[in-house]
Amino acid sequence: MFNIGLLFDGLMVAALVGSTLVGLSSFLGGKLKTLKIAMIYSASFIILTALFHNLSLMIIVFLAHEFGRGLFMPIKFTLIHENVDSKQRATVISLFNMIRSLGGMVGLFVFGYLTEYFTIRTTWIIAGLSLFILLFFYYLWDKRTNTV
């Protein structure tokens, strides 16, 4: 029997475990590189989730995605604290959180709408590919601005 509460608990534990691995960033080439790796990892596992047809395997792969998401936020906040002046830090963190919330809201509506025309599996693949496209534009912007 499937229990949605246990699934939510699993998501939280996976994200928690991911967040504890911030210290590994020195082994992965620094915090910024680890942040990019976490984003690629999460996007990859969204796509992989859609490729499985067994619910148990889908859940395991989706939990792996949450592991990467758990790693993302602590590294992002560490980079902000290391590179943004304390007078502007709260504003930058608020801006990042607004963008993340807006992206989550828009994503839910857009991908929910796409399920009217495509299967949920196809929509998840589109979502993962969308993250890769956003990462590509971020990479171009990062190279152009030579930021953090």
Foldseek 3Di string as FASTA:
>chain_A
DDDVVVLVVLLVVLLVQLLVCCVCQVVQPHLVSLLLVLLLQLLVLLLVLLVDDDPVVSSVSNSSSSSSVSNNVVSVLVVLVVPPDPVCSVVVVVVVVVVVVVVVVVLVVVLVVCCVPDPNSVSSNVVSVVSVVVSVVVVVVCVVVVDD
